[in-house]
Amino acid sequence: PAEAFWPRPKVDSAIIKIIPNLPARTGKAAFFKVVKAGFSQPRKQLASNLAKKLELTKEKILSAFKKLGIPELSRAENLSIEQWVSLSISLHLPAQRK
């Protein structure tokens, strides 16, 4: 609270913690890996970013897009969170080694 400081500030502050609420079948690491790859170059087409960053064939990416109803020419900002979750599940990324 403001009373705990000298000089006393004219505002109060707070800290919030945001916890992603991903479905159980979605691996958190895989989800964030796909999203990070997708936004690595946000103005480029999503399929190209994913193919390059995830080291997958463009055919596999486009097949997943077709299955999920995502247009081939989509960009990262065009997908909803639900589409990102579905895409990360559909791409079947291997578990990361520690």
PDB file of N, CA and C in Angstrom:
ATOM      1  N   PRO A   1       0.819  -1.194   0.000  1.00  0.00           N
ATOM      2  CA  PRO A   1       0.000   0.000   0.000  1.00  0.00           C
ATOM      3  C   PRO A   1       0.868   1.266   0.000  1.00  0.00           C
ATOM      4  N   ALA A   2       0.274   2.368  -0.363  1.00  0.00           N
ATOM      5  CA  ALA A   2       0.994   3.633  -0.435  1.00  0.00           C
ATOM      6  C   ALA A   2       1.587   4.027   0.917  1.00  0.00           C
ATOM      7  N   GLU A   3       0.942   3.645   2.012  1.00  0.00           N
ATOM      8  CA  GLU A   3       1.419   4.018   3.346  1.00  0.00           C
ATOM      9  C   GLU A   3       2.773   3.396   3.683  1.00  0.00           C
ATOM     10  N   ALA A   4       3.189   2.379   2.983  1.00  0.00           N
ATOM     11  CA  ALA A   4       4.438   1.682   3.287  1.00  0.00           C
ATOM     12  C   ALA A   4       5.667   2.400   2.721  1.00  0.00           C
ATOM     13  N   PHE A   5       5.470   3.502   2.012  1.00  0.00           N
ATOM     14  CA  PHE A   5       6.583   4.180   1.353  1.00  0.00           C
ATOM     15  C   PHE A   5       6.728   5.621   1.827  1.00  0.00           C
ATOM     16  N   TRP A   6       7.985   6.102   1.756  1.00  0.00           N
ATOM     17  CA  TRP A   6       8.254   7.502   2.033  1.00  0.00           C
ATOM     18  C   TRP A   6       9.096   8.065   0.917  1.00  0.00           C
ATOM     19  N   PRO A   7       8.791   9.068   0.237  1.00  0.00           N
ATOM     20  CA  PRO A   7       7.520   9.767   0.359  1.00  0.00           C
ATOM     21  C   PRO A   7       6.384   8.906  -0.176  1.00  0.00           C
ATOM     22  N   ARG A   8       5.244   9.138   0.358  1.00  0.00           N
ATOM     23  CA  ARG A   8       4.059   8.339   0.013  1.00  0.00           C
ATOM     24  C   ARG A   8       3.639   8.621  -1.447  1.00  0.00           C
ATOM     25  N   PRO A   9       3.576   7.573  -2.282  1.00  0.00           N
ATOM     26  CA  PRO A   9       3.142   7.791  -3.668  1.00  0.00           C
ATOM     27  C   PRO A   9       1.643   8.077  -3.733  1.00  0.00           C
ATOM     28  N   LYS A  10       1.239   8.691  -4.819  1.00  0.00           N
ATOM     29  CA  LYS A  10      -0.172   9.045  -4.983  1.00  0.00           C
ATOM     30  C   LYS A  10      -0.986   7.926  -5.614  1.00  0.00           C
ATOM     31  N   VAL A  11      -0.344   6.777  -5.877  1.00  0.00           N
ATOM     32  CA  VAL A  11      -1.042   5.645  -6.490  1.00  0.00           C
ATOM     33  C   VAL A  11      -0.727   4.366  -5.719  1.00  0.00           C
ATOM     34  N   ASP A  12      -1.626   3.404  -5.791  1.00  0.00           N
ATOM     35  CA  ASP A  12      -1.378   2.062  -5.258  1.00  0.00           C
ATOM     36  C   ASP A  12      -0.964   1.186  -6.429  1.00  0.00           C
ATOM     37  N   SER A  13      -0.245   0.135  -6.152  1.00  0.00           N
ATOM     38  CA  SER A  13       0.136  -0.794  -7.212  1.00  0.00           C
ATOM     39  C   SER A  13      -0.259  -2.204  -6.805  1.00  0.00           C
ATOM     40  N   ALA A  14      -0.289  -3.070  -7.790  1.00  0.00           N
ATOM     41  CA  ALA A  14      -0.638  -4.463  -7.550  1.00  0.00           C
ATOM     42  C   ALA A  14       0.115  -5.330  -8.545  1.00  0.00           C
ATOM     43  N   ILE A  15       0.269  -6.578  -8.203  1.00  0.00           N
ATOM     44  CA  ILE A  15       0.908  -7.552  -9.086  1.00  0.00           C
ATOM     45  C   ILE A  15      -0.132  -8.609  -9.413  1.00  0.00           C
ATOM     46  N   ILE A  16      -0.228  -8.947 -10.688  1.00  0.00           N
ATOM     47  CA  ILE A  16      -1.126 -10.032 -11.079  1.00  0.00           C
ATOM     48  C   ILE A  16      -0.307 -11.126 -11.748  1.00  0.00           C
ATOM     49  N   LYS A  17      -0.778 -12.327 -11.627  1.00  0.00           N
ATOM     50  CA  LYS A  17      -0.126 -13.463 -12.258  1.00  0.00           C
ATOM     51  C   LYS A  17      -1.105 -14.067 -13.250  1.00  0.00           C
ATOM     52  N   ILE A  18      -0.670 -14.187 -14.498  1.00  0.00           N
ATOM     53  CA  ILE A  18      -1.510 -14.751 -15.539  1.00  0.00           C
ATOM     54  C   ILE A  18      -1.053 -16.183 -15.797  1.00  0.00           C
ATOM     55  N   ILE A  19      -1.973 -17.114 -15.671  1.00  0.00           N
ATOM     56  CA  ILE A  19      -1.668 -18.529 -15.874  1.00  0.00           C
ATOM     57  C   ILE A  19      -2.440 -19.010 -17.092  1.00  0.00           C
ATOM     58  N   PRO A  20      -1.729 -19.491 -18.130  1.00  0.00           N
ATOM     59  CA  PRO A  20      -2.446 -19.983 -19.317  1.00  0.00           C
ATOM     60  C   PRO A  20      -3.347 -21.163 -18.962  1.00  0.00           C
ATOM     61  N   ASN A  21      -4.519 -21.168 -19.530  1.00  0.00           N
ATOM     62  CA  ASN A  21      -5.481 -22.234 -19.282  1.00  0.00           C
ATOM     63  C   ASN A  21      -5.589 -23.078 -20.549  1.00  0.00           C
ATOM     64  N   LEU A  22      -4.632 -23.988 -20.736  1.00  0.00           N
ATOM     65  CA  LEU A  22      -4.602 -24.838 -21.919  1.00  0.00           C
ATOM     66  C   LEU A  22      -5.297 -26.162 -21.628  1.00  0.00           C
ATOM     67  N   PRO A  23      -5.979 -26.730 -22.629  1.00  0.00           N
ATOM     68  CA  PRO A  23      -6.579 -28.050 -22.423  1.00  0.00           C
ATOM     69  C   PRO A  23      -5.527 -29.079 -22.025  1.00  0.00           C
ATOM     70  N   ALA A  24      -5.933 -30.077 -21.264  1.00  0.00           N
ATOM     71  CA  ALA A  24      -5.003 -31.091 -20.748  1.00  0.00           C
ATOM     72  C   ALA A  24      -4.248 -31.805 -21.867  1.00  0.00           C
ATOM     73  N   ARG A  25      -4.899 -31.993 -23.012  1.00  0.00           N
ATOM     74  CA  ARG A  25      -4.240 -32.734 -24.090  1.00  0.00           C
ATOM     75  C   ARG A  25      -3.191 -31.908 -24.822  1.00  0.00           C
ATOM     76  N   THR A  26      -3.090 -30.636 -24.494  1.00  0.00           N
ATOM     77  CA  THR A  26      -2.116 -29.751 -25.126  1.00  0.00           C
ATOM     78  C   THR A  26      -0.885 -29.663 -24.252  1.00  0.00           C
ATOM     79  N   GLY A  27       0.253 -30.030 -24.796  1.00  0.00           N
ATOM     80  CA  GLY A  27       1.493 -29.860 -24.058  1.00  0.00           C
ATOM     81  C   GLY A  27       1.864 -28.387 -24.045  1.00  0.00           C
ATOM     82  N   LYS A  28       2.098 -27.852 -22.863  1.00  0.00           N
ATOM     83  CA  LYS A  28       2.423 -26.432 -22.716  1.00  0.00           C
ATOM     84  C   LYS A  28       3.660 -26.071 -23.529  1.00  0.00           C
ATOM     85  N   ALA A  29       4.698 -26.896 -23.453  1.00  0.00           N
ATOM     86  CA  ALA A  29       5.936 -26.615 -24.179  1.00  0.00           C
ATOM     87  C   ALA A  29       5.700 -26.628 -25.687  1.00  0.00           C
ATOM     88  N   ALA A  30       4.937 -27.605 -26.169  1.00  0.00           N
ATOM     89  CA  ALA A  30       4.648 -27.690 -27.604  1.00  0.00           C
ATOM     90  C   ALA A  30       3.826 -26.494 -28.065  1.00  0.00           C
ATOM     91  N   PHE A  31       2.835 -26.106 -27.269  1.00  0.00           N
ATOM     92  CA  PHE A  31       1.997 -24.958 -27.612  1.00  0.00           C
ATOM     93  C   PHE A  31       2.851 -23.701 -27.774  1.00  0.00           C
ATOM     94  N   PHE A  32       3.677 -23.409 -26.780  1.00  0.00           N
ATOM     95  CA  PHE A  32       4.477 -22.188 -26.839  1.00  0.00           C
ATOM     96  C   PHE A  32       5.559 -22.265 -27.909  1.00  0.00           C
ATOM     97  N   LYS A  33       6.049 -23.448 -28.192  1.00  0.00           N
ATOM     98  CA  LYS A  33       7.026 -23.606 -29.269  1.00  0.00           C
ATOM     99  C   LYS A  33       6.391 -23.255 -30.621  1.00  0.00           C
ATOM    100  N   VAL A  34       5.172 -23.720 -30.849  1.00  0.00           N
ATOM    101  CA  VAL A  34       4.464 -23.433 -32.101  1.00  0.00           C
ATOM    102  C   VAL A  34       4.151 -21.944 -32.200  1.00  0.00           C
ATOM    103  N   VAL A  35       3.655 -21.353 -31.124  1.00  0.00           N
ATOM    104  CA  VAL A  35       3.315 -19.927 -31.135  1.00  0.00           C
ATOM    105  C   VAL A  35       4.560 -19.074 -31.358  1.00  0.00           C
ATOM    106  N   LYS A  36       5.641 -19.411 -30.675  1.00  0.00           N
ATOM    107  CA  LYS A  36       6.888 -18.654 -30.839  1.00  0.00           C
ATOM    108  C   LYS A  36       7.386 -18.751 -32.280  1.00  0.00           C
ATOM    109  N   ALA A  37       7.320 -19.939 -32.852  1.00  0.00           N
ATOM    110  CA  ALA A  37       7.738 -20.119 -34.247  1.00  0.00           C
ATOM    111  C   ALA A  37       6.836 -19.314 -35.183  1.00  0.00           C
ATOM    112  N   GLY A  38       5.543 -19.322 -34.902  1.00  0.00           N
ATOM    113  CA  GLY A  38       4.601 -18.605 -35.751  1.00  0.00           C
ATOM    114  C   GLY A  38       4.819 -17.107 -35.748  1.00  0.00           C
ATOM    115  N   PHE A  39       5.155 -16.563 -34.591  1.00  0.00           N
ATOM    116  CA  PHE A  39       5.347 -15.120 -34.477  1.00  0.00           C
ATOM    117  C   PHE A  39       6.807 -14.696 -34.673  1.00  0.00           C
ATOM    118  N   SER A  40       7.680 -15.614 -35.060  1.00  0.00           N
ATOM    119  CA  SER A  40       9.088 -15.263 -35.238  1.00  0.00           C
ATOM    120  C   SER A  40       9.279 -14.185 -36.298  1.00  0.00           C
ATOM    121  N   GLN A  41       8.471 -14.199 -37.325  1.00  0.00           N
ATOM    122  CA  GLN A  41       8.474 -13.155 -38.347  1.00  0.00           C
ATOM    123  C   GLN A  41       7.003 -12.883 -38.668  1.00  0.00           C
ATOM    124  N   PRO A  42       6.340 -12.041 -37.857  1.00  0.00           N
ATOM    125  CA  PRO A  42       4.885 -11.910 -37.915  1.00  0.00           C
ATOM    126  C   PRO A  42       4.302 -11.439 -39.247  1.00  0.00           C
ATOM    127  N   ARG A  43       5.035 -10.754 -40.069  1.00  0.00           N
ATOM    128  CA  ARG A  43       4.487 -10.271 -41.329  1.00  0.00           C
ATOM    129  C   ARG A  43       4.628 -11.290 -42.454  1.00  0.00           C
ATOM    130  N   LYS A  44       5.272 -12.396 -42.177  1.00  0.00           N
ATOM    131  CA  LYS A  44       5.389 -13.459 -43.185  1.00  0.00           C
ATOM    132  C   LYS A  44       4.235 -14.437 -43.019  1.00  0.00           C
ATOM    133  N   GLN A  45       4.025 -15.250 -44.037  1.00  0.00           N
ATOM    134  CA  GLN A  45       2.957 -16.243 -43.959  1.00  0.00           C
ATOM    135  C   GLN A  45       3.306 -17.295 -42.908  1.00  0.00           C
ATOM    136  N   LEU A  46       2.291 -17.689 -42.182  1.00  0.00           N
ATOM    137  CA  LEU A  46       2.470 -18.594 -41.045  1.00  0.00           C
ATOM    138  C   LEU A  46       3.071 -19.936 -41.445  1.00  0.00           C
ATOM    139  N   ALA A  47       2.625 -20.507 -42.555  1.00  0.00           N
ATOM    140  CA  ALA A  47       3.123 -21.831 -42.969  1.00  0.00           C
ATOM    141  C   ALA A  47       4.632 -21.802 -43.172  1.00  0.00           C
ATOM    142  N   SER A  48       5.147 -20.743 -43.759  1.00  0.00           N
ATOM    143  CA  SER A  48       6.596 -20.635 -43.986  1.00  0.00           C
ATOM    144  C   SER A  48       7.356 -20.526 -42.675  1.00  0.00           C
ATOM    145  N   ASN A  49       6.855 -19.700 -41.759  1.00  0.00           N
ATOM    146  CA  ASN A  49       7.505 -19.572 -40.447  1.00  0.00           C
ATOM    147  C   ASN A  49       7.560 -20.905 -39.715  1.00  0.00           C
ATOM    148  N   LEU A  50       6.426 -21.601 -39.683  1.00  0.00           N
ATOM    149  CA  LEU A  50       6.372 -22.865 -38.952  1.00  0.00           C
ATOM    150  C   LEU A  50       7.276 -23.913 -39.581  1.00  0.00           C
ATOM    151  N   ALA A  51       7.264 -23.996 -40.897  1.00  0.00           N
ATOM    152  CA  ALA A  51       8.106 -24.980 -41.579  1.00  0.00           C
ATOM    153  C   ALA A  51       9.583 -24.735 -41.269  1.00  0.00           C
ATOM    154  N   LYS A  52       9.997 -23.478 -41.320  1.00  0.00           N
ATOM    155  CA  LYS A  52      11.402 -23.137 -41.093  1.00  0.00           C
ATOM    156  C   LYS A  52      11.804 -23.334 -39.633  1.00  0.00           C
ATOM    157  N   LYS A  53      11.036 -22.775 -38.723  1.00  0.00           N
ATOM    158  CA  LYS A  53      11.411 -22.790 -37.306  1.00  0.00           C
ATOM    159  C   LYS A  53      11.202 -24.143 -36.631  1.00  0.00           C
ATOM    160  N   LEU A  54      10.196 -24.901 -37.064  1.00  0.00           N
ATOM    161  CA  LEU A  54       9.925 -26.199 -36.447  1.00  0.00           C
ATOM    162  C   LEU A  54      10.575 -27.349 -37.199  1.00  0.00           C
ATOM    163  N   GLU A  55      11.231 -27.013 -38.316  1.00  0.00           N
ATOM    164  CA  GLU A  55      11.907 -28.011 -39.159  1.00  0.00           C
ATOM    165  C   GLU A  55      10.944 -29.107 -39.599  1.00  0.00           C
ATOM    166  N   LEU A  56       9.778 -28.674 -40.083  1.00  0.00           N
ATOM    167  CA  LEU A  56       8.780 -29.580 -40.634  1.00  0.00           C
ATOM    168  C   LEU A  56       8.599 -29.257 -42.110  1.00  0.00           C
ATOM    169  N   THR A  57       8.073 -30.206 -42.856  1.00  0.00           N
ATOM    170  CA  THR A  57       7.821 -29.929 -44.273  1.00  0.00           C
ATOM    171  C   THR A  57       6.612 -29.006 -44.391  1.00  0.00           C
ATOM    172  N   LYS A  58       6.653 -28.187 -45.419  1.00  0.00           N
ATOM    173  CA  LYS A  58       5.534 -27.275 -45.654  1.00  0.00           C
ATOM    174  C   LYS A  58       4.263 -28.071 -45.949  1.00  0.00           C
ATOM    175  N   GLU A  59       4.414 -29.243 -46.555  1.00  0.00           N
ATOM    176  CA  GLU A  59       3.261 -30.097 -46.854  1.00  0.00           C
ATOM    177  C   GLU A  59       2.560 -30.535 -45.568  1.00  0.00           C
ATOM    178  N   LYS A  60       3.347 -30.890 -44.541  1.00  0.00           N
ATOM    179  CA  LYS A  60       2.760 -31.301 -43.269  1.00  0.00           C
ATOM    180  C   LYS A  60       2.018 -30.131 -42.622  1.00  0.00           C
ATOM    181  N   ILE A  61       2.599 -28.951 -42.695  1.00  0.00           N
ATOM    182  CA  ILE A  61       1.962 -27.753 -42.138  1.00  0.00           C
ATOM    183  C   ILE A  61       0.649 -27.473 -42.872  1.00  0.00           C
ATOM    184  N   LEU A  62       0.693 -27.481 -44.199  1.00  0.00           N
ATOM    185  CA  LEU A  62      -0.500 -27.180 -44.985  1.00  0.00           C
ATOM    186  C   LEU A  62      -1.583 -28.238 -44.806  1.00  0.00           C
ATOM    187  N   SER A  63      -1.172 -29.486 -44.594  1.00  0.00           N
ATOM    188  CA  SER A  63      -2.132 -30.549 -44.318  1.00  0.00           C
ATOM    189  C   SER A  63      -2.857 -30.274 -43.001  1.00  0.00           C
ATOM    190  N   ALA A  64      -2.114 -29.849 -41.979  1.00  0.00           N
ATOM    191  CA  ALA A  64      -2.717 -29.506 -40.687  1.00  0.00           C
ATOM    192  C   ALA A  64      -3.654 -28.303 -40.845  1.00  0.00           C
ATOM    193  N   PHE A  65      -3.235 -27.317 -41.640  1.00  0.00           N
ATOM    194  CA  PHE A  65      -4.085 -26.151 -41.888  1.00  0.00           C
ATOM    195  C   PHE A  65      -5.402 -26.578 -42.511  1.00  0.00           C
ATOM    196  N   LYS A  66      -5.318 -27.433 -43.521  1.00  0.00           N
ATOM    197  CA  LYS A  66      -6.519 -27.870 -44.227  1.00  0.00           C
ATOM    198  C   LYS A  66      -7.460 -28.614 -43.272  1.00  0.00           C
ATOM    199  N   LYS A  67      -6.885 -29.498 -42.459  1.00  0.00           N
ATOM    200  CA  LYS A  67      -7.666 -30.271 -41.499  1.00  0.00           C
ATOM    201  C   LYS A  67      -8.382 -29.371 -40.493  1.00  0.00           C
ATOM    202  N   LEU A  68      -7.746 -28.259 -40.134  1.00  0.00           N
ATOM    203  CA  LEU A  68      -8.293 -27.354 -39.122  1.00  0.00           C
ATOM    204  C   LEU A  68      -9.077 -26.188 -39.713  1.00  0.00           C
ATOM    205  N   GLY A  69      -9.124 -26.105 -41.047  1.00  0.00           N
ATOM    206  CA  GLY A  69      -9.855 -25.008 -41.687  1.00  0.00           C
ATOM    207  C   GLY A  69      -9.138 -23.671 -41.625  1.00  0.00           C
ATOM    208  N   ILE A  70      -7.810 -23.708 -41.538  1.00  0.00           N
ATOM    209  CA  ILE A  70      -7.003 -22.481 -41.511  1.00  0.00           C
ATOM    210  C   ILE A  70      -6.578 -22.171 -42.946  1.00  0.00           C
ATOM    211  N   PRO A  71      -6.836 -20.972 -43.440  1.00  0.00           N
ATOM    212  CA  PRO A  71      -6.419 -20.623 -44.806  1.00  0.00           C
ATOM    213  C   PRO A  71      -4.902 -20.725 -44.979  1.00  0.00           C
ATOM    214  N   GLU A  72      -4.467 -21.195 -46.145  1.00  0.00           N
ATOM    215  CA  GLU A  72      -3.037 -21.393 -46.416  1.00  0.00           C
ATOM    216  C   GLU A  72      -2.211 -20.125 -46.268  1.00  0.00           C
ATOM    217  N   LEU A  73      -2.789 -18.982 -46.602  1.00  0.00           N
ATOM    218  CA  LEU A  73      -2.040 -17.728 -46.604  1.00  0.00           C
ATOM    219  C   LEU A  73      -2.149 -16.961 -45.285  1.00  0.00           C
ATOM    220  N   SER A  74      -2.572 -17.634 -44.229  1.00  0.00           N
ATOM    221  CA  SER A  74      -2.745 -16.972 -42.927  1.00  0.00           C
ATOM    222  C   SER A  74      -1.426 -16.450 -42.388  1.00  0.00           C
ATOM    223  N   ARG A  75      -1.558 -15.439 -41.575  1.00  0.00           N
ATOM    224  CA  ARG A  75      -0.429 -14.900 -40.809  1.00  0.00           C
ATOM    225  C   ARG A  75      -0.708 -15.171 -39.333  1.00  0.00           C
ATOM    226  N   ALA A  76       0.318 -15.121 -38.524  1.00  0.00           N
ATOM    227  CA  ALA A  76       0.204 -15.493 -37.111  1.00  0.00           C
ATOM    228  C   ALA A  76      -0.910 -14.740 -36.389  1.00  0.00           C
ATOM    229  N   GLU A  77      -1.042 -13.461 -36.658  1.00  0.00           N
ATOM    230  CA  GLU A  77      -2.032 -12.662 -35.932  1.00  0.00           C
ATOM    231  C   GLU A  77      -3.477 -12.996 -36.296  1.00  0.00           C
ATOM    232  N   ASN A  78      -3.680 -13.770 -37.373  1.00  0.00           N
ATOM    233  CA  ASN A  78      -5.029 -14.104 -37.814  1.00  0.00           C
ATOM    234  C   ASN A  78      -5.640 -15.288 -37.068  1.00  0.00           C
ATOM    235  N   LEU A  79      -4.845 -16.056 -36.330  1.00  0.00           N
ATOM    236  CA  LEU A  79      -5.351 -17.241 -35.649  1.00  0.00           C
ATOM    237  C   LEU A  79      -5.868 -16.905 -34.254  1.00  0.00           C
ATOM    238  N   SER A  80      -6.938 -17.589 -33.867  1.00  0.00           N
ATOM    239  CA  SER A  80      -7.447 -17.456 -32.499  1.00  0.00           C
ATOM    240  C   SER A  80      -6.624 -18.369 -31.589  1.00  0.00           C
ATOM    241  N   ILE A  81      -6.778 -18.195 -30.313  1.00  0.00           N
ATOM    242  CA  ILE A  81      -6.070 -19.061 -29.362  1.00  0.00           C
ATOM    243  C   ILE A  81      -6.493 -20.509 -29.563  1.00  0.00           C
ATOM    244  N   GLU A  82      -7.784 -20.726 -29.815  1.00  0.00           N
ATOM    245  CA  GLU A  82      -8.273 -22.086 -30.036  1.00  0.00           C
ATOM    246  C   GLU A  82      -7.600 -22.718 -31.265  1.00  0.00           C
ATOM    247  N   GLN A  83      -7.395 -21.920 -32.309  1.00  0.00           N
ATOM    248  CA  GLN A  83      -6.717 -22.441 -33.501  1.00  0.00           C
ATOM    249  C   GLN A  83      -5.255 -22.755 -33.207  1.00  0.00           C
ATOM    250  N   TRP A  84      -4.597 -21.924 -32.389  1.00  0.00           N
ATOM    251  CA  TRP A  84      -3.209 -22.210 -32.007  1.00  0.00           C
ATOM    252  C   TRP A  84      -3.132 -23.517 -31.224  1.00  0.00           C
ATOM    253  N   VAL A  85      -4.066 -23.713 -30.303  1.00  0.00           N
ATOM    254  CA  VAL A  85      -4.093 -24.953 -29.511  1.00  0.00           C
ATOM    255  C   VAL A  85      -4.284 -26.147 -30.438  1.00  0.00           C
ATOM    256  N   SER A  86      -5.277 -26.072 -31.333  1.00  0.00           N
ATOM    257  CA  SER A  86      -5.548 -27.171 -32.268  1.00  0.00           C
ATOM    258  C   SER A  86      -4.347 -27.440 -33.168  1.00  0.00           C
ATOM    259  N   LEU A  87      -3.704 -26.375 -33.613  1.00  0.00           N
ATOM    260  CA  LEU A  87      -2.538 -26.528 -34.485  1.00  0.00           C
ATOM    261  C   LEU A  87      -1.387 -27.207 -33.750  1.00  0.00           C
ATOM    262  N   SER A  88      -1.147 -26.810 -32.503  1.00  0.00           N
ATOM    263  CA  SER A  88      -0.047 -27.433 -31.747  1.00  0.00           C
ATOM    264  C   SER A  88      -0.316 -28.912 -31.495  1.00  0.00           C
ATOM    265  N   ILE A  89      -1.584 -29.286 -31.315  1.00  0.00           N
ATOM    266  CA  ILE A  89      -1.938 -30.697 -31.145  1.00  0.00           C
ATOM    267  C   ILE A  89      -1.763 -31.437 -32.471  1.00  0.00           C
ATOM    268  N   SER A  90      -2.215 -30.815 -33.546  1.00  0.00           N
ATOM    269  CA  SER A  90      -2.206 -31.444 -34.863  1.00  0.00           C
ATOM    270  C   SER A  90      -0.794 -31.699 -35.400  1.00  0.00           C
ATOM    271  N   LEU A  91       0.158 -30.861 -35.024  1.00  0.00           N
ATOM    272  CA  LEU A  91       1.515 -31.008 -35.571  1.00  0.00           C
ATOM    273  C   LEU A  91       2.313 -32.110 -34.883  1.00  0.00           C
ATOM    274  N   HIS A  92       1.834 -32.637 -33.776  1.00  0.00           N
ATOM    275  CA  HIS A  92       2.481 -33.773 -33.081  1.00  0.00           C
ATOM    276  C   HIS A  92       3.984 -33.557 -32.890  1.00  0.00           C
ATOM    277  N   LEU A  93       4.342 -32.485 -32.231  1.00  0.00           N
ATOM    278  CA  LEU A  93       5.755 -32.209 -31.991  1.00  0.00           C
ATOM    279  C   LEU A  93       6.308 -33.189 -30.967  1.00  0.00           C
ATOM    280  N   PRO A  94       7.530 -33.670 -31.175  1.00  0.00           N
ATOM    281  CA  PRO A  94       8.125 -34.598 -30.208  1.00  0.00           C
ATOM    282  C   PRO A  94       8.405 -33.875 -28.891  1.00  0.00           C
ATOM    283  N   ALA A  95       8.392 -34.621 -27.807  1.00  0.00           N
ATOM    284  CA  ALA A  95       8.696 -34.049 -26.492  1.00  0.00           C
ATOM    285  C   ALA A  95      10.128 -33.549 -26.487  1.00  0.00           C
ATOM    286  N   GLN A  96      10.341 -32.434 -25.823  1.00  0.00           N
ATOM    287  CA  GLN A  96      11.681 -31.872 -25.749  1.00  0.00           C
ATOM    288  C   GLN A  96      12.504 -32.609 -24.712  1.00  0.00           C
ATOM    289  N   ARG A  97      13.766 -32.791 -25.048  1.00  0.00           N
ATOM    290  CA  ARG A  97      14.684 -33.419 -24.092  1.00  0.00           C
ATOM    291  C   ARG A  97      15.243 -32.369 -23.175  1.00  0.00           C
ATOM    292  N   LYS A  98      15.500 -32.747 -21.928  1.00  0.00           N
ATOM    293  CA  LYS A  98      16.067 -31.800 -20.952  1.00  0.00           C
ATOM    294  C   LYS A  98      17.565 -31.827 -21.001  1.00  0.00           C
TER     295      LYS A  98
END
